Amino acid sequence: MGVFRTMAEPKVRILADVSVETRDKLQEVVQALGITKKDFFDKVIEEHHKKCVRNEE
């Protein structure tokens, strides 16, 4: 029997490049919304993709 490995999707480390103040603000926002940072980024990226790439409002 062989061992099968699935390749994990690489993670993007956006927060490594932001200031401490921005990181703190992000934490406050996600706590206020009651969502995870991942969910926040997914939502914001989807909204901007819809507006800027697909030209939908």
N, C-alpha and C. Protein backbone atom coordinates (compact mmCIF):
# COMPACT_ATOMS: atom_id res chain seq x y z
N MET A 1 0.83 -1.19 0.00
CA MET A 1 0.00 0.00 0.00
C MET A 1 0.87 1.25 0.00
N GLY A 2 0.49 2.20 -0.80
CA GLY A 2 1.24 3.46 -0.85
C GLY A 2 0.60 4.51 0.04
N VAL A 3 1.38 5.47 0.35
CA VAL A 3 0.87 6.60 1.14
C VAL A 3 0.52 7.72 0.18
N PHE A 4 -0.69 8.20 0.28
CA PHE A 4 -1.12 9.29 -0.58
C PHE A 4 -1.16 10.59 0.21
N ARG A 5 -0.56 11.60 -0.35
CA ARG A 5 -0.58 12.91 0.29
C ARG A 5 -1.36 13.86 -0.59
N THR A 6 -2.24 14.58 0.03
CA THR A 6 -2.92 15.62 -0.73
C THR A 6 -2.17 16.92 -0.49
N MET A 7 -2.04 17.68 -1.52
CA MET A 7 -1.31 18.94 -1.38
C MET A 7 -2.23 19.97 -0.75
N ALA A 8 -1.79 20.53 0.32
CA ALA A 8 -2.57 21.56 0.99
C ALA A 8 -2.45 22.87 0.22
N GLU A 9 -3.51 23.61 0.25
CA GLU A 9 -3.49 24.92 -0.40
C GLU A 9 -2.55 25.83 0.39
N PRO A 10 -1.64 26.50 -0.30
CA PRO A 10 -0.71 27.37 0.43
C PRO A 10 -1.44 28.53 1.10
N LYS A 11 -0.95 28.91 2.24
CA LYS A 11 -1.57 30.02 2.98
C LYS A 11 -0.85 31.31 2.63
N VAL A 12 -1.62 32.35 2.52
CA VAL A 12 -1.07 33.67 2.25
C VAL A 12 -0.93 34.39 3.59
N ARG A 13 0.22 34.89 3.86
CA ARG A 13 0.50 35.55 5.14
C ARG A 13 0.42 37.07 4.99
N ILE A 14 -0.78 37.57 4.79
CA ILE A 14 -0.99 38.99 4.57
C ILE A 14 -0.57 39.80 5.80
N LEU A 15 -0.90 39.32 6.96
CA LEU A 15 -0.67 40.10 8.17
C LEU A 15 0.80 40.27 8.51
N ALA A 16 1.66 39.51 7.89
CA ALA A 16 3.09 39.66 8.15
C ALA A 16 3.60 41.00 7.65
N ASP A 17 2.90 41.60 6.70
CA ASP A 17 3.34 42.85 6.08
C ASP A 17 2.61 44.10 6.56
N VAL A 18 1.71 43.96 7.53
CA VAL A 18 0.97 45.14 7.99
C VAL A 18 1.48 45.62 9.33
N SER A 19 1.16 46.85 9.63
CA SER A 19 1.60 47.43 10.91
C SER A 19 0.83 46.80 12.07
N VAL A 20 1.38 46.96 13.25
CA VAL A 20 0.74 46.45 14.47
C VAL A 20 -0.62 47.13 14.65
N GLU A 21 -0.69 48.40 14.33
CA GLU A 21 -1.95 49.14 14.47
C GLU A 21 -3.03 48.55 13.57
N THR A 22 -2.65 48.21 12.34
CA THR A 22 -3.62 47.62 11.41
C THR A 22 -4.06 46.25 11.90
N ARG A 23 -3.13 45.47 12.40
CA ARG A 23 -3.46 44.16 12.95
C ARG A 23 -4.44 44.28 14.11
N ASP A 24 -4.19 45.27 14.98
CA ASP A 24 -5.08 45.48 16.13
C ASP A 24 -6.48 45.91 15.68
N LYS A 25 -6.53 46.77 14.67
CA LYS A 25 -7.83 47.21 14.14
C LYS A 25 -8.59 46.04 13.53
N LEU A 26 -7.88 45.19 12.80
CA LEU A 26 -8.51 44.00 12.22
C LEU A 26 -9.10 43.13 13.31
N GLN A 27 -8.35 42.93 14.37
CA GLN A 27 -8.84 42.10 15.48
C GLN A 27 -10.11 42.71 16.08
N GLU A 28 -10.13 44.02 16.24
CA GLU A 28 -11.32 44.69 16.78
C GLU A 28 -12.52 44.52 15.85
N VAL A 29 -12.28 44.63 14.54
CA VAL A 29 -13.37 44.51 13.56
C VAL A 29 -13.95 43.10 13.57
N VAL A 30 -13.10 42.08 13.52
CA VAL A 30 -13.63 40.72 13.48
C VAL A 30 -14.34 40.35 14.78
N GLN A 31 -13.85 40.88 15.90
CA GLN A 31 -14.54 40.63 17.17
C GLN A 31 -15.91 41.30 17.17
N ALA A 32 -15.99 42.52 16.66
CA ALA A 32 -17.26 43.24 16.61
C ALA A 32 -18.26 42.54 15.68
N LEU A 33 -17.75 41.97 14.58
CA LEU A 33 -18.61 41.27 13.63
C LEU A 33 -18.91 39.84 14.05
N GLY A 34 -18.09 39.30 14.95
CA GLY A 34 -18.28 37.92 15.40
C GLY A 34 -17.91 36.91 14.34
N ILE A 35 -16.88 37.23 13.53
CA ILE A 35 -16.43 36.33 12.47
C ILE A 35 -14.92 36.11 12.60
N THR A 36 -14.40 35.19 11.80
CA THR A 36 -12.96 34.95 11.81
C THR A 36 -12.27 35.88 10.83
N LYS A 37 -10.96 36.00 10.97
CA LYS A 37 -10.18 36.81 10.02
C LYS A 37 -10.32 36.25 8.62
N LYS A 38 -10.30 34.94 8.49
CA LYS A 38 -10.45 34.30 7.19
C LYS A 38 -11.79 34.69 6.57
N ASP A 39 -12.86 34.60 7.35
CA ASP A 39 -14.18 34.97 6.83
C ASP A 39 -14.22 36.44 6.42
N PHE A 40 -13.57 37.29 7.20
CA PHE A 40 -13.52 38.71 6.87
C PHE A 40 -12.82 38.92 5.53
N PHE A 41 -11.64 38.33 5.36
CA PHE A 41 -10.91 38.48 4.10
C PHE A 41 -11.68 37.89 2.93
N ASP A 42 -12.29 36.72 3.13
CA ASP A 42 -13.09 36.12 2.06
C ASP A 42 -14.21 37.07 1.62
N LYS A 43 -14.89 37.67 2.60
CA LYS A 43 -16.00 38.58 2.30
C LYS A 43 -15.52 39.83 1.57
N VAL A 44 -14.47 40.45 2.07
CA VAL A 44 -13.96 41.69 1.47
C VAL A 44 -13.44 41.43 0.06
N ILE A 45 -12.71 40.34 -0.12
CA ILE A 45 -12.17 40.02 -1.45
C ILE A 45 -13.31 39.73 -2.42
N GLU A 46 -14.32 38.99 -1.99
CA GLU A 46 -15.45 38.70 -2.86
C GLU A 46 -16.17 39.99 -3.27
N GLU A 47 -16.38 40.89 -2.32
CA GLU A 47 -17.04 42.17 -2.62
C GLU A 47 -16.25 42.98 -3.64
N HIS A 48 -14.95 43.05 -3.46
CA HIS A 48 -14.12 43.82 -4.39
C HIS A 48 -13.98 43.12 -5.75
N HIS A 49 -13.94 41.81 -5.75
CA HIS A 49 -13.88 41.08 -7.02
C HIS A 49 -15.16 41.33 -7.81
N LYS A 50 -16.28 41.28 -7.12
CA LYS A 50 -17.57 41.53 -7.76
C LYS A 50 -17.62 42.93 -8.37
N LYS A 51 -17.14 43.91 -7.62
CA LYS A 51 -17.19 45.30 -8.07
C LYS A 51 -16.13 45.62 -9.13
N CYS A 52 -14.90 45.21 -8.90
CA CYS A 52 -13.78 45.64 -9.76
C CYS A 52 -13.51 44.72 -10.94
N VAL A 53 -13.77 43.43 -10.80
CA VAL A 53 -13.44 42.49 -11.87
C VAL A 53 -14.67 42.15 -12.70
N ARG A 54 -15.77 41.85 -12.01
CA ARG A 54 -16.99 41.44 -12.73
C ARG A 54 -17.88 42.63 -13.07
N ASN A 55 -17.50 43.83 -12.59
CA ASN A 55 -18.26 45.07 -12.84
C ASN A 55 -19.72 44.96 -12.43
N GLU A 56 -19.94 44.37 -11.27
CA GLU A 56 -21.28 44.25 -10.68
C GLU A 56 -21.34 45.14 -9.45
N GLU A 57 -22.49 45.65 -9.16
CA GLU A 57 -22.65 46.46 -7.93
C GLU A 57 -23.60 45.82 -7.01
